[in-house]
Amino acid sequence: MSAWLYFGLWLLAALVALAFVSATIAKRLRLREVRREQGVLLLDALERYGEWIAAQRHAPVFDGESAEVAQALDEAGRIRTGWFPELATDMAELLGVHARLLHFLAAQHELRQRDLDAWLDTDHDGRFLGLWRQQLAVLQTLQAKLAAMGIVSPMPPWTSQPAADIRESRA
């Protein structure tokens, strides 16, 4: 084997290895970008959900979970399952708070329709705010974990929290 052939084969092997490393790096960068996009979509779905919850505080009638909210939660669950399995516990906690909130709102609506005086005695607003704070805490935890993973940039606290309303209720 001549020296030129020997060095040529080594050069070819180095080029193949370099192409493999380059493809691997490009794939990881693309995967990171897609994961970041999915994180933004997850936060958008959760924000739509949070806005619906905020609107329920002063809603005169509770009509149950809207199709938009169900779609937002389904989208968040689908994204979490496909891209963020490490958030499973937090999403399960969010769904648990959501179920308690739906049960509370339905029970309060029924009581309000049946006996307005009894409904007024239940401290509806205070109990709603307690559940709302639980929901916001879970949403903020999800947001913080995505920021800690480098998926999204750190953001201010969850935007659907009407701080003035909560301060008003504490006074």
Protein backbone atom coordinates (compact mmCIF):
# COMPACT_ATOMS: atom_id res chain seq x y z
CA MET A 1 0.00 0.00 0.00
CA SER A 2 1.42 3.34 -0.99
CA ALA A 3 1.71 6.26 1.40
CA TRP A 4 -0.74 8.33 -0.69
CA LEU A 5 -3.40 5.64 -0.49
CA TYR A 6 -2.79 5.19 3.22
CA PHE A 7 -3.11 8.93 3.97
CA GLY A 8 -6.09 9.19 1.59
CA LEU A 9 -7.94 6.47 3.49
CA TRP A 10 -7.23 8.24 6.78
CA LEU A 11 -8.43 11.51 5.29
CA LEU A 12 -11.62 9.82 4.07
CA ALA A 13 -12.19 8.26 7.50
CA ALA A 14 -11.69 11.66 9.15
CA LEU A 15 -14.15 13.29 6.75
CA VAL A 16 -16.75 10.57 7.44
CA ALA A 17 -16.27 11.00 11.20
CA LEU A 18 -16.53 14.78 10.84
CA ALA A 19 -19.73 14.43 8.80
CA PHE A 20 -21.19 12.11 11.44
CA VAL A 21 -20.32 14.52 14.28
CA SER A 22 -21.69 17.46 12.30
CA ALA A 23 -24.96 15.64 11.59
CA THR A 24 -25.29 14.68 15.25
CA ILE A 25 -24.75 18.27 16.39
CA ALA A 26 -27.23 19.59 13.81
CA LYS A 27 -29.83 17.03 14.88
CA ARG A 28 -29.42 17.95 18.55
CA LEU A 29 -29.69 21.65 17.79
CA ARG A 30 -32.84 21.10 15.73
CA LEU A 31 -34.31 18.90 18.47
CA ARG A 32 -33.56 21.60 21.04
CA GLU A 33 -35.26 24.21 18.83
CA VAL A 34 -38.34 22.02 18.32
CA ARG A 35 -38.47 21.34 22.07
CA ARG A 36 -38.29 25.08 22.73
CA GLU A 37 -41.16 25.67 20.30
CA GLN A 38 -43.19 22.96 22.02
CA GLY A 39 -42.47 24.58 25.39
CA VAL A 40 -43.85 27.88 24.11
CA LEU A 41 -46.95 26.08 22.81
CA LEU A 42 -47.36 24.37 26.19
CA LEU A 43 -47.21 27.69 28.01
CA ASP A 44 -49.69 29.20 25.53
CA ALA A 45 -52.16 26.38 26.17
CA LEU A 46 -51.73 26.73 29.93
CA GLU A 47 -52.20 30.49 29.70
CA ARG A 48 -55.48 30.03 27.80
CA TYR A 49 -56.56 27.67 30.56
CA GLY A 50 -55.48 30.14 33.26
CA GLU A 51 -57.44 32.95 31.64
CA TRP A 52 -60.60 30.83 31.67
CA ILE A 53 -60.11 30.09 35.36
CA ALA A 54 -59.66 33.81 36.05
CA ALA A 55 -62.90 34.56 34.21
CA GLN A 56 -64.82 32.09 36.38
CA ARG A 57 -64.42 34.20 39.49
CA HIS A 58 -66.99 36.75 38.41
CA ALA A 59 -69.00 34.63 35.99
CA PRO A 60 -72.70 34.88 36.86
CA VAL A 61 -73.42 31.34 35.67
CA PHE A 62 -71.19 28.30 35.56
CA ASP A 63 -71.81 26.40 32.34
CA GLY A 64 -69.18 23.75 32.95
CA GLU A 65 -65.86 23.36 31.26
CA SER A 66 -65.86 25.09 27.88
CA ALA A 67 -64.66 23.40 24.72
CA GLU A 68 -61.75 25.85 24.51
CA VAL A 69 -60.56 24.93 28.00
CA ALA A 70 -60.84 21.22 27.30
CA GLN A 71 -58.89 21.75 24.08
CA ALA A 72 -56.21 23.80 25.89
CA LEU A 73 -55.79 21.10 28.56
CA ASP A 74 -55.72 18.35 25.93
CA GLU A 75 -53.10 20.26 23.95
CA ALA A 76 -51.02 20.82 27.10
CA GLY A 77 -51.27 17.13 27.98
CA ARG A 78 -50.34 16.03 24.48
CA ILE A 79 -47.31 18.33 24.39
CA ARG A 80 -46.25 17.27 27.89
CA THR A 81 -46.51 13.60 26.99
CA GLY A 82 -44.56 13.95 23.75
CA TRP A 83 -41.89 16.44 24.76
CA PHE A 84 -41.71 16.89 28.54
CA PRO A 85 -42.20 13.60 30.40
CA GLU A 86 -40.36 15.12 33.36
CA LEU A 87 -43.38 17.39 33.98
CA ALA A 88 -45.81 14.49 34.51
CA THR A 89 -46.19 15.03 38.26
CA ASP A 90 -46.86 18.74 37.88
CA MET A 91 -49.43 18.19 35.12
CA ALA A 92 -51.16 15.54 37.25
CA GLU A 93 -51.29 18.04 40.11
CA LEU A 94 -52.74 20.69 37.78
CA LEU A 95 -55.43 18.28 36.61
CA GLY A 96 -56.23 17.42 40.22
CA VAL A 97 -56.67 21.10 41.11
CA HIS A 98 -58.72 21.53 37.94
CA ALA A 99 -61.05 18.69 38.96
CA ARG A 100 -61.49 20.17 42.45
CA LEU A 101 -62.17 23.58 40.92
CA LEU A 102 -64.78 22.21 38.51
CA HIS A 103 -66.47 20.33 41.36
CA PHE A 104 -66.44 23.46 43.52
CA LEU A 105 -67.86 25.67 40.76
CA ALA A 106 -70.59 23.16 39.90
CA ALA A 107 -71.56 22.73 43.56
CA GLN A 108 -71.60 26.49 44.10
CA HIS A 109 -73.71 27.02 40.99
CA GLU A 110 -76.21 24.42 42.14
CA LEU A 111 -76.37 25.93 45.63
CA ARG A 112 -76.74 29.42 44.20
CA GLN A 113 -79.66 28.29 42.06
CA ARG A 114 -81.32 26.42 44.93
CA ASP A 115 -80.73 28.67 47.96
CA LEU A 116 -79.13 32.07 47.46
CA ASP A 117 -78.84 32.80 51.19
CA ALA A 118 -77.01 29.54 51.83
CA TRP A 119 -74.73 30.29 48.88
CA LEU A 120 -73.88 33.73 50.30
CA ASP A 121 -72.92 32.08 53.61
CA THR A 122 -70.41 29.71 51.94
CA ASP A 123 -67.57 32.24 51.42
CA HIS A 124 -67.60 31.39 47.74
CA ASP A 125 -64.99 33.99 46.81
CA GLY A 126 -62.50 33.01 49.50
CA ARG A 127 -62.73 29.32 48.67
CA PHE A 128 -62.45 30.07 44.95
CA LEU A 129 -59.33 32.17 45.56
CA GLY A 130 -57.79 29.32 47.57
CA LEU A 131 -58.23 26.93 44.67
CA TRP A 132 -57.10 29.60 42.24
CA ARG A 133 -53.88 30.13 44.20
CA GLN A 134 -53.22 26.38 44.09
CA GLN A 135 -53.75 26.41 40.33
CA LEU A 136 -51.47 29.44 39.90
CA ALA A 137 -48.76 27.83 42.04
CA VAL A 138 -48.75 24.75 39.80
CA LEU A 139 -48.71 26.89 36.65
CA GLN A 140 -45.82 28.94 38.00
CA THR A 141 -43.95 25.74 38.91
CA LEU A 142 -44.39 24.44 35.37
CA GLN A 143 -43.23 27.77 33.97
CA ALA A 144 -40.18 27.83 36.27
CA LYS A 145 -39.22 24.24 35.40
CA LEU A 146 -39.37 25.01 31.69
CA ALA A 147 -37.19 28.08 32.28
CA ALA A 148 -34.74 26.05 34.39
CA MET A 149 -34.46 23.48 31.58
CA GLY A 150 -33.56 26.31 29.21
CA ILE A 151 -36.67 25.62 27.16
CA VAL A 152 -38.09 29.10 27.59
CA SER A 153 -36.51 32.23 28.96
CA PRO A 154 -37.38 33.17 32.53
CA MET A 155 -40.61 35.10 32.57
CA PRO A 156 -42.48 37.21 35.07
CA PRO A 157 -45.01 35.40 37.25
CA TRP A 158 -48.06 33.94 35.56
CA THR A 159 -49.98 36.65 33.72
CA SER A 160 -53.51 35.43 34.42
CA GLN A 161 -53.19 36.26 38.12
CA PRO A 162 -55.07 39.47 38.82
CA ALA A 163 -52.92 40.63 41.71
CA ALA A 164 -55.23 43.55 42.47
CA ASP A 165 -58.18 41.17 42.86
CA ILE A 166 -56.25 38.95 45.26
CA ARG A 167 -54.99 41.92 47.29
CA GLU A 168 -58.54 43.26 47.33
CA SER A 169 -59.88 39.98 48.73
CA ARG A 170 -57.26 39.89 51.51
CA ALA A 171 -58.21 43.37 52.74
